[in-house]
């Protein structure tokens, strides 16, 4: 299972900002990307105005789930088409 969570680095330890459901002493693999790097990568996919507007939107996890549950289109196709329009 792959999952993305936010964490804060404090005193030499990565502290998750949300509950994790690992068993005690379970070994996991961690991939780390700084917020600045992630933001730069995401900005490349959107226009400046679109990016600024999206930064101020607040969606709950439940709202996203409900929206995706009702989406009958091909998510992959939609993402590819959106990217092709940008480049």
PDB file of N, CA and C in Angstrom:
ATOM      1  N   UNK A   1       0.848  -1.173   0.000  1.00  0.00           N
ATOM      2  CA  UNK A   1       0.000   0.000   0.000  1.00  0.00           C
ATOM      3  C   UNK A   1       0.893   1.234   0.000  1.00  0.00           C
ATOM      4  N   UNK A   2       0.576   2.179  -0.880  1.00  0.00           N
ATOM      5  CA  UNK A   2       1.310   3.434  -0.910  1.00  0.00           C
ATOM      6  C   UNK A   2       0.392   4.538  -0.415  1.00  0.00           C
ATOM      7  N   UNK A   3       0.935   5.415   0.408  1.00  0.00           N
ATOM      8  CA  UNK A   3       0.162   6.498   1.000  1.00  0.00           C
ATOM      9  C   UNK A   3       1.036   7.734   1.091  1.00  0.00           C
ATOM     10  N   UNK A   4       0.480   8.892   0.857  1.00  0.00           N
ATOM     11  CA  UNK A   4       1.209  10.142   0.981  1.00  0.00           C
ATOM     12  C   UNK A   4       0.690  10.863   2.217  1.00  0.00           C
ATOM     13  N   UNK A   5       1.593  11.234   3.099  1.00  0.00           N
ATOM     14  CA  UNK A   5       1.217  11.986   4.293  1.00  0.00           C
ATOM     15  C   UNK A   5       2.170  13.159   4.450  1.00  0.00           C
ATOM     16  N   UNK A   6       1.716  14.191   5.125  1.00  0.00           N
ATOM     17  CA  UNK A   6       2.584  15.322   5.434  1.00  0.00           C
ATOM     18  C   UNK A   6       3.234  15.075   6.786  1.00  0.00           C
ATOM     19  N   UNK A   7       4.453  15.571   6.919  1.00  0.00           N
ATOM     20  CA  UNK A   7       5.188  15.410   8.177  1.00  0.00           C
ATOM     21  C   UNK A   7       6.023  16.652   8.420  1.00  0.00           C
ATOM     22  N   UNK A   8       6.471  16.807   9.657  1.00  0.00           N
ATOM     23  CA  UNK A   8       7.352  17.903  10.045  1.00  0.00           C
ATOM     24  C   UNK A   8       8.633  17.283  10.589  1.00  0.00           C
ATOM     25  N   UNK A   9       9.760  17.848  10.193  1.00  0.00           N
ATOM     26  CA  UNK A   9      11.044  17.374  10.687  1.00  0.00           C
ATOM     27  C   UNK A   9      11.397  18.176  11.927  1.00  0.00           C
ATOM     28  N   UNK A  10      11.491  17.513  13.095  1.00  0.00           N
ATOM     29  CA  UNK A  10      11.793  18.166  14.366  1.00  0.00           C
ATOM     30  C   UNK A  10      12.810  17.345  15.148  1.00  0.00           C
ATOM     31  N   UNK A  11      13.872  17.978  15.552  1.00  0.00           N
ATOM     32  CA  UNK A  11      14.881  17.323  16.386  1.00  0.00           C
ATOM     33  C   UNK A  11      15.347  15.986  15.825  1.00  0.00           C
ATOM     34  N   UNK A  12      15.573  15.946  14.514  1.00  0.00           N
ATOM     35  CA  UNK A  12      16.091  14.739  13.886  1.00  0.00           C
ATOM     36  C   UNK A  12      15.059  13.659  13.611  1.00  0.00           C
ATOM     37  N   UNK A  13      13.768  13.972  13.773  1.00  0.00           N
ATOM     38  CA  UNK A  13      12.715  12.968  13.592  1.00  0.00           C
ATOM     39  C   UNK A  13      11.624  13.524  12.688  1.00  0.00           C
ATOM     40  N   UNK A  14      11.130  12.715  11.741  1.00  0.00           N
ATOM     41  CA  UNK A  14       9.970  13.091  10.945  1.00  0.00           C
ATOM     42  C   UNK A  14       8.713  12.753  11.742  1.00  0.00           C
ATOM     43  N   UNK A  15       7.889  13.768  12.030  1.00  0.00           N
ATOM     44  CA  UNK A  15       6.663  13.557  12.801  1.00  0.00           C
ATOM     45  C   UNK A  15       5.469  13.723  11.875  1.00  0.00           C
ATOM     46  N   UNK A  16       4.675  12.659  11.652  1.00  0.00           N
ATOM     47  CA  UNK A  16       3.494  12.752  10.783  1.00  0.00           C
ATOM     48  C   UNK A  16       2.496  13.773  11.321  1.00  0.00           C
ATOM     49  N   UNK A  17       1.830  14.477  10.413  1.00  0.00           N
ATOM     50  CA  UNK A  17       0.827  15.458  10.801  1.00  0.00           C
ATOM     51  C   UNK A  17      -0.578  14.862  10.808  1.00  0.00           C
ATOM     52  N   UNK A  18      -0.679  13.578  10.574  1.00  0.00           N
ATOM     53  CA  UNK A  18      -1.952  12.867  10.632  1.00  0.00           C
ATOM     54  C   UNK A  18      -1.683  11.468  11.173  1.00  0.00           C
ATOM     55  N   UNK A  19      -2.705  10.812  11.683  1.00  0.00           N
ATOM     56  CA  UNK A  19      -2.486   9.460  12.224  1.00  0.00           C
ATOM     57  C   UNK A  19      -2.023   8.487  11.139  1.00  0.00           C
ATOM     58  N   UNK A  20      -1.138   7.597  11.512  1.00  0.00           N
ATOM     59  CA  UNK A  20      -0.710   6.526  10.612  1.00  0.00           C
ATOM     60  C   UNK A  20      -1.141   5.199  11.216  1.00  0.00           C
ATOM     61  N   UNK A  21      -1.337   4.212  10.373  1.00  0.00           N
ATOM     62  CA  UNK A  21      -1.892   2.936  10.843  1.00  0.00           C
ATOM     63  C   UNK A  21      -0.916   1.784  10.670  1.00  0.00           C
ATOM     64  N   UNK A  22       0.330   2.018  10.990  1.00  0.00           N
ATOM     65  CA  UNK A  22       1.322   0.954  10.901  1.00  0.00           C
ATOM     66  C   UNK A  22       1.351   0.174  12.207  1.00  0.00           C
ATOM     67  N   UNK A  23       1.720  -1.082  12.089  1.00  0.00           N
ATOM     68  CA  UNK A  23       1.897  -1.902  13.290  1.00  0.00           C
ATOM     69  C   UNK A  23       3.178  -1.446  13.995  1.00  0.00           C
ATOM     70  N   UNK A  24       3.210  -1.596  15.294  1.00  0.00           N
ATOM     71  CA  UNK A  24       4.406  -1.240  16.059  1.00  0.00           C
ATOM     72  C   UNK A  24       5.613  -2.004  15.500  1.00  0.00           C
ATOM     73  N   UNK A  25       6.714  -1.315  15.273  1.00  0.00           N
ATOM     74  CA  UNK A  25       7.969  -1.869  14.744  1.00  0.00           C
ATOM     75  C   UNK A  25       7.881  -2.323  13.289  1.00  0.00           C
ATOM     76  N   UNK A  26       6.802  -1.962  12.593  1.00  0.00           N
ATOM     77  CA  UNK A  26       6.678  -2.314  11.171  1.00  0.00           C
ATOM     78  C   UNK A  26       7.701  -1.515  10.370  1.00  0.00           C
ATOM     79  N   UNK A  27       8.378  -2.172   9.442  1.00  0.00           N
ATOM     80  CA  UNK A  27       9.338  -1.491   8.584  1.00  0.00           C
ATOM     81  C   UNK A  27       8.598  -0.908   7.392  1.00  0.00           C
ATOM     82  N   UNK A  28       8.903   0.354   7.058  1.00  0.00           N
ATOM     83  CA  UNK A  28       8.280   1.027   5.920  1.00  0.00           C
ATOM     84  C   UNK A  28       9.365   1.714   5.106  1.00  0.00           C
ATOM     85  N   UNK A  29       9.051   2.058   3.869  1.00  0.00           N
ATOM     86  CA  UNK A  29       9.955   2.842   3.038  1.00  0.00           C
ATOM     87  C   UNK A  29       9.406   4.254   2.973  1.00  0.00           C
ATOM     88  N   UNK A  30      10.284   5.239   3.069  1.00  0.00           N
ATOM     89  CA  UNK A  30       9.871   6.636   3.091  1.00  0.00           C
ATOM     90  C   UNK A  30      10.508   7.362   1.911  1.00  0.00           C
ATOM     91  N   UNK A  31       9.693   8.082   1.158  1.00  0.00           N
ATOM     92  CA  UNK A  31      10.164   8.948   0.086  1.00  0.00           C
ATOM     93  C   UNK A  31       9.855  10.377   0.520  1.00  0.00           C
ATOM     94  N   UNK A  32      10.835  11.259   0.430  1.00  0.00           N
ATOM     95  CA  UNK A  32      10.669  12.607   0.971  1.00  0.00           C
ATOM     96  C   UNK A  32      10.845  13.643  -0.131  1.00  0.00           C
ATOM     97  N   UNK A  33       9.948  14.625  -0.145  1.00  0.00           N
ATOM     98  CA  UNK A  33      10.050  15.755  -1.067  1.00  0.00           C
ATOM     99  C   UNK A  33       9.704  17.009  -0.277  1.00  0.00           C
ATOM    100  N   UNK A  34      10.537  18.025  -0.361  1.00  0.00           N
ATOM    101  CA  UNK A  34      10.255  19.255   0.378  1.00  0.00           C
ATOM    102  C   UNK A  34       9.016  19.929  -0.201  1.00  0.00           C
ATOM    103  N   UNK A  35       8.349  20.716   0.614  1.00  0.00           N
ATOM    104  CA  UNK A  35       7.146  21.421   0.164  1.00  0.00           C
ATOM    105  C   UNK A  35       7.474  22.374  -0.982  1.00  0.00           C
ATOM    106  N   UNK A  36       8.634  23.029  -0.914  1.00  0.00           N
ATOM    107  CA  UNK A  36       9.030  23.963  -1.971  1.00  0.00           C
ATOM    108  C   UNK A  36       9.224  23.235  -3.299  1.00  0.00           C
ATOM    109  N   UNK A  37       9.837  22.069  -3.253  1.00  0.00           N
ATOM    110  CA  UNK A  37      10.047  21.278  -4.466  1.00  0.00           C
ATOM    111  C   UNK A  37       8.715  20.825  -5.049  1.00  0.00           C
ATOM    112  N   UNK A  38       7.821  20.367  -4.183  1.00  0.00           N
ATOM    113  CA  UNK A  38       6.497  19.925  -4.624  1.00  0.00           C
ATOM    114  C   UNK A  38       5.733  21.088  -5.248  1.00  0.00           C
ATOM    115  N   UNK A  39       5.766  22.249  -4.597  1.00  0.00           N
ATOM    116  CA  UNK A  39       5.046  23.409  -5.121  1.00  0.00           C
ATOM    117  C   UNK A  39       5.583  23.802  -6.493  1.00  0.00           C
ATOM    118  N   UNK A  40       6.894  23.788  -6.667  1.00  0.00           N
ATOM    119  CA  UNK A  40       7.490  24.131  -7.959  1.00  0.00           C
ATOM    120  C   UNK A  40       7.050  23.141  -9.038  1.00  0.00           C
ATOM    121  N   UNK A  41       7.005  21.853  -8.697  1.00  0.00           N
ATOM    122  CA  UNK A  41       6.567  20.838  -9.647  1.00  0.00           C
ATOM    123  C   UNK A  41       5.106  21.039 -10.044  1.00  0.00           C
ATOM    124  N   UNK A  42       4.254  21.365  -9.077  1.00  0.00           N
ATOM    125  CA  UNK A  42       2.836  21.568  -9.341  1.00  0.00           C
ATOM    126  C   UNK A  42       2.585  22.844 -10.138  1.00  0.00           C
ATOM    127  N   UNK A  43       3.367  23.894  -9.857  1.00  0.00           N
ATOM    128  CA  UNK A  43       3.210  25.155 -10.586  1.00  0.00           C
ATOM    129  C   UNK A  43       3.443  24.969 -12.081  1.00  0.00           C
ATOM    130  N   UNK A  44       4.316  24.054 -12.440  1.00  0.00           N
ATOM    131  CA  UNK A  44       4.625  23.815 -13.845  1.00  0.00           C
ATOM    132  C   UNK A  44       3.417  23.262 -14.608  1.00  0.00           C
ATOM    133  N   UNK A  45       2.460  22.686 -13.888  1.00  0.00           N
ATOM    134  CA  UNK A  45       1.284  22.095 -14.539  1.00  0.00           C
ATOM    135  C   UNK A  45       0.133  23.080 -14.704  1.00  0.00           C
ATOM    136  N   UNK A  46       0.198  24.237 -14.047  1.00  0.00           N
ATOM    137  CA  UNK A  46      -0.913  25.178 -14.037  1.00  0.00           C
ATOM    138  C   UNK A  46      -0.443  26.572 -14.418  1.00  0.00           C
ATOM    139  N   UNK A  47      -1.365  27.384 -14.931  1.00  0.00           N
ATOM    140  CA  UNK A  47      -1.079  28.795 -15.167  1.00  0.00           C
ATOM    141  C   UNK A  47      -0.957  29.511 -13.833  1.00  0.00           C
ATOM    142  N   UNK A  48      -0.272  30.663 -13.814  1.00  0.00           N
ATOM    143  CA  UNK A  48      -0.040  31.389 -12.560  1.00  0.00           C
ATOM    144  C   UNK A  48      -1.347  31.777 -11.872  1.00  0.00           C
ATOM    145  N   UNK A  49      -2.327  32.289 -12.620  1.00  0.00           N
ATOM    146  CA  UNK A  49      -3.614  32.681 -12.031  1.00  0.00           C
ATOM    147  C   UNK A  49      -4.350  31.467 -11.471  1.00  0.00           C
ATOM    148  N   UNK A  50      -4.330  30.385 -12.234  1.00  0.00           N
ATOM    149  CA  UNK A  50      -5.000  29.145 -11.809  1.00  0.00           C
ATOM    150  C   UNK A  50      -4.356  28.610 -10.531  1.00  0.00           C
ATOM    151  N   UNK A  51      -3.022  28.663 -10.462  1.00  0.00           N
ATOM    152  CA  UNK A  51      -2.298  28.179  -9.284  1.00  0.00           C
ATOM    153  C   UNK A  51      -2.637  29.023  -8.057  1.00  0.00           C
ATOM    154  N   UNK A  52      -2.622  30.347  -8.203  1.00  0.00           N
ATOM    155  CA  UNK A  52      -2.921  31.243  -7.080  1.00  0.00           C
ATOM    156  C   UNK A  52      -4.343  31.022  -6.571  1.00  0.00           C
ATOM    157  N   UNK A  53      -5.303  30.869  -7.486  1.00  0.00           N
ATOM    158  CA  UNK A  53      -6.690  30.645  -7.074  1.00  0.00           C
ATOM    159  C   UNK A  53      -6.818  29.318  -6.329  1.00  0.00           C
ATOM    160  N   UNK A  54      -6.151  28.288  -6.817  1.00  0.00           N
ATOM    161  CA  UNK A  54      -6.251  26.960  -6.202  1.00  0.00           C
ATOM    162  C   UNK A  54      -5.625  26.936  -4.808  1.00  0.00           C
ATOM    163  N   UNK A  55      -4.601  27.741  -4.580  1.00  0.00           N
ATOM    164  CA  UNK A  55      -3.943  27.769  -3.272  1.00  0.00           C
ATOM    165  C   UNK A  55      -4.894  28.204  -2.164  1.00  0.00           C
ATOM    166  N   UNK A  56      -5.925  28.951  -2.528  1.00  0.00           N
ATOM    167  CA  UNK A  56      -6.841  29.486  -1.528  1.00  0.00           C
ATOM    168  C   UNK A  56      -8.124  28.671  -1.392  1.00  0.00           C
ATOM    169  N   UNK A  57      -8.265  27.626  -2.197  1.00  0.00           N
ATOM    170  CA  UNK A  57      -9.423  26.754  -2.076  1.00  0.00           C
ATOM    171  C   UNK A  57      -9.243  25.836  -0.872  1.00  0.00           C
ATOM    172  N   UNK A  58     -10.318  25.582  -0.172  1.00  0.00           N
ATOM    173  CA  UNK A  58     -10.247  24.652   0.944  1.00  0.00           C
ATOM    174  C   UNK A  58     -11.269  23.550   0.715  1.00  0.00           C
ATOM    175  N   UNK A  59     -10.781  22.372   0.445  1.00  0.00           N
ATOM    176  CA  UNK A  59     -11.633  21.205   0.249  1.00  0.00           C
ATOM    177  C   UNK A  59     -11.337  20.202   1.351  1.00  0.00           C
ATOM    178  N   UNK A  60     -12.376  19.604   1.854  1.00  0.00           N
ATOM    179  CA  UNK A  60     -12.164  18.554   2.840  1.00  0.00           C
ATOM    180  C   UNK A  60     -11.884  17.242   2.128  1.00  0.00           C
ATOM    181  N   UNK A  61     -11.313  16.318   2.831  1.00  0.00           N
ATOM    182  CA  UNK A  61     -11.054  14.999   2.272  1.00  0.00           C
ATOM    183  C   UNK A  61     -12.364  14.365   1.812  1.00  0.00           C
ATOM    184  N   UNK A  62     -13.413  14.536   2.596  1.00  0.00           N
ATOM    185  CA  UNK A  62     -14.716  13.969   2.251  1.00  0.00           C
ATOM    186  C   UNK A  62     -15.263  14.580   0.960  1.00  0.00           C
ATOM    187  N   UNK A  63     -15.099  15.875   0.765  1.00  0.00           N
ATOM    188  CA  UNK A  63     -15.569  16.521  -0.464  1.00  0.00           C
ATOM    189  C   UNK A  63     -14.844  15.961  -1.688  1.00  0.00           C
ATOM    190  N   UNK A  64     -13.560  15.732  -1.554  1.00  0.00           N
ATOM    191  CA  UNK A  64     -12.791  15.162  -2.659  1.00  0.00           C
ATOM    192  C   UNK A  64     -13.276  13.747  -2.953  1.00  0.00           C
ATOM    193  N   UNK A  65     -13.453  12.951  -1.920  1.00  0.00           N
ATOM    194  CA  UNK A  65     -13.926  11.572  -2.109  1.00  0.00           C
ATOM    195  C   UNK A  65     -15.283  11.537  -2.798  1.00  0.00           C
ATOM    196  N   UNK A  66     -16.209  12.396  -2.356  1.00  0.00           N
ATOM    197  CA  UNK A  66     -17.543  12.427  -2.955  1.00  0.00           C
ATOM    198  C   UNK A  66     -17.474  12.853  -4.415  1.00  0.00           C
ATOM    199  N   UNK A  67     -16.638  13.833  -4.704  1.00  0.00           N
ATOM    200  CA  UNK A  67     -16.494  14.299  -6.074  1.00  0.00           C
ATOM    201  C   UNK A  67     -15.943  13.194  -6.977  1.00  0.00           C
ATOM    202  N   UNK A  68     -14.923  12.497  -6.504  1.00  0.00           N
ATOM    203  CA  UNK A  68     -14.328  11.430  -7.300  1.00  0.00           C
ATOM    204  C   UNK A  68     -15.261  10.237  -7.435  1.00  0.00           C
ATOM    205  N   UNK A  69     -16.066   9.977  -6.422  1.00  0.00           N
ATOM    206  CA  UNK A  69     -16.996   8.842  -6.474  1.00  0.00           C
ATOM    207  C   UNK A  69     -18.040   9.040  -7.565  1.00  0.00           C
ATOM    208  N   UNK A  70     -18.372  10.289  -7.866  1.00  0.00           N
ATOM    209  CA  UNK A  70     -19.383  10.586  -8.882  1.00  0.00           C
ATOM    210  C   UNK A  70     -18.794  10.806 -10.269  1.00  0.00           C
ATOM    211  N   UNK A  71     -17.483  10.748 -10.374  1.00  0.00           N
ATOM    212  CA  UNK A  71     -16.810  10.994 -11.646  1.00  0.00           C
ATOM    213  C   UNK A  71     -16.773   9.701 -12.452  1.00  0.00           C
ATOM    214  N   UNK A  72     -17.466   9.686 -13.573  1.00  0.00           N
ATOM    215  CA  UNK A  72     -17.502   8.477 -14.403  1.00  0.00           C
ATOM    216  C   UNK A  72     -16.524   8.547 -15.573  1.00  0.00           C
ATOM    217  N   UNK A  73     -15.800   9.655 -15.688  1.00  0.00           N
ATOM    218  CA  UNK A  73     -14.852   9.792 -16.787  1.00  0.00           C
ATOM    219  C   UNK A  73     -13.555   9.051 -16.471  1.00  0.00           C
ATOM    220  N   UNK A  74     -12.730   8.954 -17.470  1.00  0.00           N
ATOM    221  CA  UNK A  74     -11.416   8.348 -17.278  1.00  0.00           C
ATOM    222  C   UNK A  74     -10.498   9.387 -16.663  1.00  0.00           C
ATOM    223  N   UNK A  75     -10.120   9.177 -15.426  1.00  0.00           N
ATOM    224  CA  UNK A  75      -9.254  10.127 -14.715  1.00  0.00           C
ATOM    225  C   UNK A  75      -7.924  10.286 -15.446  1.00  0.00           C
ATOM    226  N   UNK A  76      -7.351   9.190 -15.895  1.00  0.00           N
ATOM    227  CA  UNK A  76      -6.070   9.249 -16.601  1.00  0.00           C
ATOM    228  C   UNK A  76      -6.189  10.083 -17.866  1.00  0.00           C
ATOM    229  N   UNK A  77      -7.240   9.841 -18.632  1.00  0.00           N
ATOM    230  CA  UNK A  77      -7.432  10.572 -19.887  1.00  0.00           C
ATOM    231  C   UNK A  77      -7.591  12.074 -19.593  1.00  0.00           C
ATOM    232  N   UNK A  78      -8.346  12.410 -18.564  1.00  0.00           N
ATOM    233  CA  UNK A  78      -8.563  13.815 -18.217  1.00  0.00           C
ATOM    234  C   UNK A  78      -7.246  14.494 -17.832  1.00  0.00           C
ATOM    235  N   UNK A  79      -6.409  13.806 -17.064  1.00  0.00           N
ATOM    236  CA  UNK A  79      -5.126  14.384 -16.656  1.00  0.00           C
ATOM    237  C   UNK A  79      -4.211  14.577 -17.862  1.00  0.00           C
ATOM    238  N   UNK A  80      -4.172  13.603 -18.743  1.00  0.00           N
ATOM    239  CA  UNK A  80      -3.328  13.701 -19.940  1.00  0.00           C
ATOM    240  C   UNK A  80      -3.794  14.861 -20.813  1.00  0.00           C
ATOM    241  N   UNK A  81      -5.098  14.995 -21.005  1.00  0.00           N
ATOM    242  CA  UNK A  81      -5.631  16.084 -21.811  1.00  0.00           C
ATOM    243  C   UNK A  81      -5.319  17.440 -21.186  1.00  0.00           C
ATOM    244  N   UNK A  82      -5.441  17.542 -19.872  1.00  0.00           N
ATOM    245  CA  UNK A  82      -5.145  18.803 -19.178  1.00  0.00           C
ATOM    246  C   UNK A  82      -3.676  19.176 -19.351  1.00  0.00           C
ATOM    247  N   UNK A  83      -2.802  18.216 -19.234  1.00  0.00           N
ATOM    248  CA  UNK A  83      -1.374  18.476 -19.392  1.00  0.00           C
ATOM    249  C   UNK A  83      -1.051  18.877 -20.816  1.00  0.00           C
ATOM    250  N   UNK A  84      -1.681  18.198 -21.795  1.00  0.00           N
ATOM    251  CA  UNK A  84      -1.420  18.516 -23.197  1.00  0.00           C
ATOM    252  C   UNK A  84      -1.834  19.939 -23.526  1.00  0.00           C
ATOM    253  N   UNK A  85      -2.901  20.444 -22.878  1.00  0.00           N
ATOM    254  CA  UNK A  85      -3.340  21.804 -23.111  1.00  0.00           C
ATOM    255  C   UNK A  85      -2.328  22.816 -22.591  1.00  0.00           C
ATOM    256  N   UNK A  86      -1.579  22.456 -21.565  1.00  0.00           N
ATOM    257  CA  UNK A  86      -0.608  23.370 -20.954  1.00  0.00           C
ATOM    258  C   UNK A  86       0.691  23.463 -21.756  1.00  0.00           C
ATOM    259  N   UNK A  87       1.007  22.417 -22.491  1.00  0.00           N
ATOM    260  CA  UNK A  87       2.309  22.391 -23.158  1.00  0.00           C
ATOM    261  C   UNK A  87       2.175  22.474 -24.630  1.00  0.00           C
TER     262      UNK A  87
END
